[in-house]
């Protein structure tokens, strides 16, 4: 599973918030990986992932 079904809508909302922050002078950076690790918890509004042991921190 790469992303839950609701991820697209959530990303659109996050991009809107990021635009407001940029307009206010706050630096915003998005980091993404294809396979971040093992999904340990998932619900309607959040996902918690345990990173793979061989991956360096972003």
PDB file of N, CA and C in Angstrom:
ATOM      1  N   UNK A   1       0.847  -1.181   0.000  1.00  0.00           N
ATOM      2  CA  UNK A   1       0.000   0.000   0.000  1.00  0.00           C
ATOM      3  C   UNK A   1       0.889   1.239   0.000  1.00  0.00           C
ATOM      4  N   UNK A   2       0.786   2.033  -1.034  1.00  0.00           N
ATOM      5  CA  UNK A   2       1.588   3.240  -1.111  1.00  0.00           C
ATOM      6  C   UNK A   2       0.894   4.441  -0.491  1.00  0.00           C
ATOM      7  N   UNK A   3      -0.408   4.535  -0.624  1.00  0.00           N
ATOM      8  CA  UNK A   3      -1.137   5.656  -0.040  1.00  0.00           C
ATOM      9  C   UNK A   3      -2.596   5.256   0.138  1.00  0.00           C
ATOM     10  N   UNK A   4      -3.209   5.686   1.221  1.00  0.00           N
ATOM     11  CA  UNK A   4      -4.633   5.404   1.402  1.00  0.00           C
ATOM     12  C   UNK A   4      -5.465   6.155   0.366  1.00  0.00           C
ATOM     13  N   UNK A   5      -6.702   5.741   0.179  1.00  0.00           N
ATOM     14  CA  UNK A   5      -7.580   6.353  -0.821  1.00  0.00           C
ATOM     15  C   UNK A   5      -7.757   7.855  -0.622  1.00  0.00           C
ATOM     16  N   UNK A   6      -7.742   8.322   0.623  1.00  0.00           N
ATOM     17  CA  UNK A   6      -7.994   9.731   0.899  1.00  0.00           C
ATOM     18  C   UNK A   6      -6.755  10.608   0.766  1.00  0.00           C
ATOM     19  N   UNK A   7      -5.615  10.030   0.435  1.00  0.00           N
ATOM     20  CA  UNK A   7      -4.365  10.799   0.424  1.00  0.00           C
ATOM     21  C   UNK A   7      -4.393  11.955  -0.575  1.00  0.00           C
ATOM     22  N   UNK A   8      -4.994  11.766  -1.736  1.00  0.00           N
ATOM     23  CA  UNK A   8      -5.026  12.832  -2.734  1.00  0.00           C
ATOM     24  C   UNK A   8      -5.725  14.072  -2.225  1.00  0.00           C
ATOM     25  N   UNK A   9      -6.888  13.902  -1.584  1.00  0.00           N
ATOM     26  CA  UNK A   9      -7.613  15.041  -1.024  1.00  0.00           C
ATOM     27  C   UNK A   9      -6.853  15.706   0.103  1.00  0.00           C
ATOM     28  N   UNK A  10      -6.206  14.898   0.926  1.00  0.00           N
ATOM     29  CA  UNK A  10      -5.430  15.441   2.038  1.00  0.00           C
ATOM     30  C   UNK A  10      -4.235  16.239   1.513  1.00  0.00           C
ATOM     31  N   UNK A  11      -3.561  15.731   0.486  1.00  0.00           N
ATOM     32  CA  UNK A  11      -2.430  16.459  -0.089  1.00  0.00           C
ATOM     33  C   UNK A  11      -2.865  17.791  -0.671  1.00  0.00           C
ATOM     34  N   UNK A  12      -4.034  17.830  -1.277  1.00  0.00           N
ATOM     35  CA  UNK A  12      -4.542  19.100  -1.817  1.00  0.00           C
ATOM     36  C   UNK A  12      -4.742  20.107  -0.695  1.00  0.00           C
ATOM     37  N   UNK A  13      -5.283  19.668   0.437  1.00  0.00           N
ATOM     38  CA  UNK A  13      -5.482  20.571   1.577  1.00  0.00           C
ATOM     39  C   UNK A  13      -4.144  21.025   2.157  1.00  0.00           C
ATOM     40  N   UNK A  14      -3.191  20.101   2.238  1.00  0.00           N
ATOM     41  CA  UNK A  14      -1.871  20.454   2.769  1.00  0.00           C
ATOM     42  C   UNK A  14      -1.190  21.472   1.868  1.00  0.00           C
ATOM     43  N   UNK A  15      -1.336  21.308   0.552  1.00  0.00           N
ATOM     44  CA  UNK A  15      -0.731  22.270  -0.377  1.00  0.00           C
ATOM     45  C   UNK A  15      -1.351  23.665  -0.207  1.00  0.00           C
ATOM     46  N   UNK A  16      -2.638  23.715   0.090  1.00  0.00           N
ATOM     47  CA  UNK A  16      -3.286  25.002   0.344  1.00  0.00           C
ATOM     48  C   UNK A  16      -2.708  25.663   1.592  1.00  0.00           C
ATOM     49  N   UNK A  17      -2.557  24.898   2.662  1.00  0.00           N
ATOM     50  CA  UNK A  17      -1.959  25.429   3.895  1.00  0.00           C
ATOM     51  C   UNK A  17      -0.517  25.863   3.632  1.00  0.00           C
ATOM     52  N   UNK A  18       0.227  25.062   2.861  1.00  0.00           N
ATOM     53  CA  UNK A  18       1.611  25.414   2.544  1.00  0.00           C
ATOM     54  C   UNK A  18       1.677  26.732   1.783  1.00  0.00           C
ATOM     55  N   UNK A  19       0.737  26.961   0.880  1.00  0.00           N
ATOM     56  CA  UNK A  19       0.713  28.220   0.130  1.00  0.00           C
ATOM     57  C   UNK A  19       0.473  29.407   1.063  1.00  0.00           C
ATOM     58  N   UNK A  20      -0.443  29.267   2.018  1.00  0.00           N
ATOM     59  CA  UNK A  20      -0.672  30.331   3.001  1.00  0.00           C
ATOM     60  C   UNK A  20       0.593  30.597   3.813  1.00  0.00           C
ATOM     61  N   UNK A  21       1.268  29.542   4.220  1.00  0.00           N
ATOM     62  CA  UNK A  21       2.499  29.707   5.003  1.00  0.00           C
ATOM     63  C   UNK A  21       3.581  30.407   4.190  1.00  0.00           C
ATOM     64  N   UNK A  22       3.739  29.991   2.928  1.00  0.00           N
ATOM     65  CA  UNK A  22       4.735  30.655   2.061  1.00  0.00           C
ATOM     66  C   UNK A  22       4.422  32.138   1.910  1.00  0.00           C
ATOM     67  N   UNK A  23       3.129  32.435   1.702  1.00  0.00           N
ATOM     68  CA  UNK A  23       2.718  33.840   1.568  1.00  0.00           C
ATOM     69  C   UNK A  23       3.044  34.644   2.826  1.00  0.00           C
ATOM     70  N   UNK A  24       3.068  33.974   3.977  1.00  0.00           N
ATOM     71  CA  UNK A  24       3.390  34.633   5.251  1.00  0.00           C
ATOM     72  C   UNK A  24       4.888  34.642   5.527  1.00  0.00           C
ATOM     73  N   UNK A  25       5.690  34.129   4.584  1.00  0.00           N
ATOM     74  CA  UNK A  25       7.135  34.155   4.738  1.00  0.00           C
ATOM     75  C   UNK A  25       7.726  32.947   5.441  1.00  0.00           C
ATOM     76  N   UNK A  26       6.931  31.901   5.619  1.00  0.00           N
ATOM     77  CA  UNK A  26       7.418  30.689   6.277  1.00  0.00           C
ATOM     78  C   UNK A  26       7.955  29.734   5.215  1.00  0.00           C
ATOM     79  N   UNK A  27       9.164  29.218   5.426  1.00  0.00           N
ATOM     80  CA  UNK A  27       9.740  28.254   4.493  1.00  0.00           C
ATOM     81  C   UNK A  27       9.002  26.919   4.616  1.00  0.00           C
ATOM     82  N   UNK A  28       8.614  26.361   3.485  1.00  0.00           N
ATOM     83  CA  UNK A  28       7.892  25.090   3.441  1.00  0.00           C
ATOM     84  C   UNK A  28       8.611  24.163   2.482  1.00  0.00           C
ATOM     85  N   UNK A  29       8.799  22.920   2.897  1.00  0.00           N
ATOM     86  CA  UNK A  29       9.481  21.935   2.056  1.00  0.00           C
ATOM     87  C   UNK A  29       8.717  20.618   2.117  1.00  0.00           C
ATOM     88  N   UNK A  30       8.482  20.006   0.966  1.00  0.00           N
ATOM     89  CA  UNK A  30       7.818  18.707   0.924  1.00  0.00           C
ATOM     90  C   UNK A  30       8.854  17.640   0.607  1.00  0.00           C
ATOM     91  N   UNK A  31       8.817  16.568   1.380  1.00  0.00           N
ATOM     92  CA  UNK A  31       9.706  15.437   1.133  1.00  0.00           C
ATOM     93  C   UNK A  31       8.831  14.204   0.949  1.00  0.00           C
ATOM     94  N   UNK A  32       9.163  13.391  -0.046  1.00  0.00           N
ATOM     95  CA  UNK A  32       8.363  12.203  -0.317  1.00  0.00           C
ATOM     96  C   UNK A  32       9.264  11.044  -0.708  1.00  0.00           C
ATOM     97  N   UNK A  33       8.858   9.863  -0.339  1.00  0.00           N
ATOM     98  CA  UNK A  33       9.549   8.642  -0.743  1.00  0.00           C
ATOM     99  C   UNK A  33       8.498   7.646  -1.221  1.00  0.00           C
ATOM    100  N   UNK A  34       8.887   6.765  -2.122  1.00  0.00           N
ATOM    101  CA  UNK A  34       7.947   5.795  -2.684  1.00  0.00           C
ATOM    102  C   UNK A  34       7.514   4.752  -1.662  1.00  0.00           C
ATOM    103  N   UNK A  35       8.417   4.342  -0.781  1.00  0.00           N
ATOM    104  CA  UNK A  35       8.105   3.296   0.185  1.00  0.00           C
ATOM    105  C   UNK A  35       8.739   3.670   1.527  1.00  0.00           C
ATOM    106  N   UNK A  36       8.032   4.452   2.354  1.00  0.00           N
ATOM    107  CA  UNK A  36       8.632   4.989   3.570  1.00  0.00           C
ATOM    108  C   UNK A  36       8.889   3.973   4.677  1.00  0.00           C
ATOM    109  N   UNK A  37       8.175   2.859   4.671  1.00  0.00           N
ATOM    110  CA  UNK A  37       8.370   1.870   5.724  1.00  0.00           C
ATOM    111  C   UNK A  37       7.110   1.068   5.975  1.00  0.00           C
ATOM    112  N   UNK A  38       7.042   0.491   7.142  1.00  0.00           N
ATOM    113  CA  UNK A  38       5.934  -0.370   7.535  1.00  0.00           C
ATOM    114  C   UNK A  38       4.821   0.466   8.168  1.00  0.00           C
ATOM    115  N   UNK A  39       3.611   0.359   7.633  1.00  0.00           N
ATOM    116  CA  UNK A  39       2.474   1.083   8.198  1.00  0.00           C
ATOM    117  C   UNK A  39       2.112   0.431   9.521  1.00  0.00           C
ATOM    118  N   UNK A  40       2.272   1.178  10.605  1.00  0.00           N
ATOM    119  CA  UNK A  40       1.985   0.655  11.931  1.00  0.00           C
ATOM    120  C   UNK A  40       0.589   0.996  12.406  1.00  0.00           C
ATOM    121  N   UNK A  41       0.018   2.082  11.871  1.00  0.00           N
ATOM    122  CA  UNK A  41      -1.297   2.534  12.298  1.00  0.00           C
ATOM    123  C   UNK A  41      -1.913   3.349  11.171  1.00  0.00           C
ATOM    124  N   UNK A  42      -3.194   3.154  10.941  1.00  0.00           N
ATOM    125  CA  UNK A  42      -3.885   3.931   9.916  1.00  0.00           C
ATOM    126  C   UNK A  42      -5.333   4.131  10.341  1.00  0.00           C
ATOM    127  N   UNK A  43      -5.804   5.369  10.167  1.00  0.00           N
ATOM    128  CA  UNK A  43      -7.211   5.678  10.387  1.00  0.00           C
ATOM    129  C   UNK A  43      -7.624   6.691   9.337  1.00  0.00           C
ATOM    130  N   UNK A  44      -8.794   7.258   9.492  1.00  0.00           N
ATOM    131  CA  UNK A  44      -9.348   8.139   8.470  1.00  0.00           C
ATOM    132  C   UNK A  44      -8.488   9.363   8.173  1.00  0.00           C
ATOM    133  N   UNK A  45      -7.811   9.932   9.189  1.00  0.00           N
ATOM    134  CA  UNK A  45      -7.093  11.194   9.004  1.00  0.00           C
ATOM    135  C   UNK A  45      -5.587  11.120   9.195  1.00  0.00           C
ATOM    136  N   UNK A  46      -5.038   9.967   9.511  1.00  0.00           N
ATOM    137  CA  UNK A  46      -3.595   9.903   9.727  1.00  0.00           C
ATOM    138  C   UNK A  46      -3.059   8.504   9.491  1.00  0.00           C
ATOM    139  N   UNK A  47      -1.774   8.468   9.232  1.00  0.00           N
ATOM    140  CA  UNK A  47      -1.059   7.213   9.043  1.00  0.00           C
ATOM    141  C   UNK A  47       0.258   7.333   9.796  1.00  0.00           C
ATOM    142  N   UNK A  48       0.631   6.315  10.540  1.00  0.00           N
ATOM    143  CA  UNK A  48       1.928   6.283  11.225  1.00  0.00           C
ATOM    144  C   UNK A  48       2.765   5.177  10.581  1.00  0.00           C
ATOM    145  N   UNK A  49       3.973   5.516  10.202  1.00  0.00           N
ATOM    146  CA  UNK A  49       4.845   4.574   9.499  1.00  0.00           C
ATOM    147  C   UNK A  49       6.143   4.414  10.273  1.00  0.00           C
ATOM    148  N   UNK A  50       6.583   3.181  10.418  1.00  0.00           N
ATOM    149  CA  UNK A  50       7.886   2.876  11.024  1.00  0.00           C
ATOM    150  C   UNK A  50       8.878   2.757   9.872  1.00  0.00           C
ATOM    151  N   UNK A  51       9.919   3.605   9.844  1.00  0.00           N
ATOM    152  CA  UNK A  51      10.862   3.572   8.722  1.00  0.00           C
ATOM    153  C   UNK A  51      11.658   2.272   8.684  1.00  0.00           C
ATOM    154  N   UNK A  52      12.050   1.903   7.483  1.00  0.00           N
ATOM    155  CA  UNK A  52      12.908   0.724   7.318  1.00  0.00           C
ATOM    156  C   UNK A  52      14.245   0.983   8.002  1.00  0.00           C
ATOM    157  N   UNK A  53      14.856  -0.035   8.566  1.00  0.00           N
ATOM    158  CA  UNK A  53      16.105   0.088   9.311  1.00  0.00           C
ATOM    159  C   UNK A  53      17.260   0.582   8.444  1.00  0.00           C
ATOM    160  N   UNK A  54      17.270   0.244   7.162  1.00  0.00           N
ATOM    161  CA  UNK A  54      18.404   0.588   6.302  1.00  0.00           C
ATOM    162  C   UNK A  54      18.269   1.970   5.655  1.00  0.00           C
ATOM    163  N   UNK A  55      17.245   2.722   6.011  1.00  0.00           N
ATOM    164  CA  UNK A  55      17.021   4.040   5.397  1.00  0.00           C
ATOM    165  C   UNK A  55      17.530   5.139   6.305  1.00  0.00           C
ATOM    166  N   UNK A  56      18.246   6.100   5.727  1.00  0.00           N
ATOM    167  CA  UNK A  56      18.706   7.255   6.480  1.00  0.00           C
ATOM    168  C   UNK A  56      17.553   8.216   6.699  1.00  0.00           C
ATOM    169  N   UNK A  57      17.620   9.007   7.743  1.00  0.00           N
ATOM    170  CA  UNK A  57      16.592  10.019   7.997  1.00  0.00           C
ATOM    171  C   UNK A  57      16.587  11.037   6.878  1.00  0.00           C
ATOM    172  N   UNK A  58      15.402  11.575   6.567  1.00  0.00           N
ATOM    173  CA  UNK A  58      15.291  12.584   5.516  1.00  0.00           C
ATOM    174  C   UNK A  58      15.915  13.888   5.943  1.00  0.00           C
TER     175      UNK A  58
END
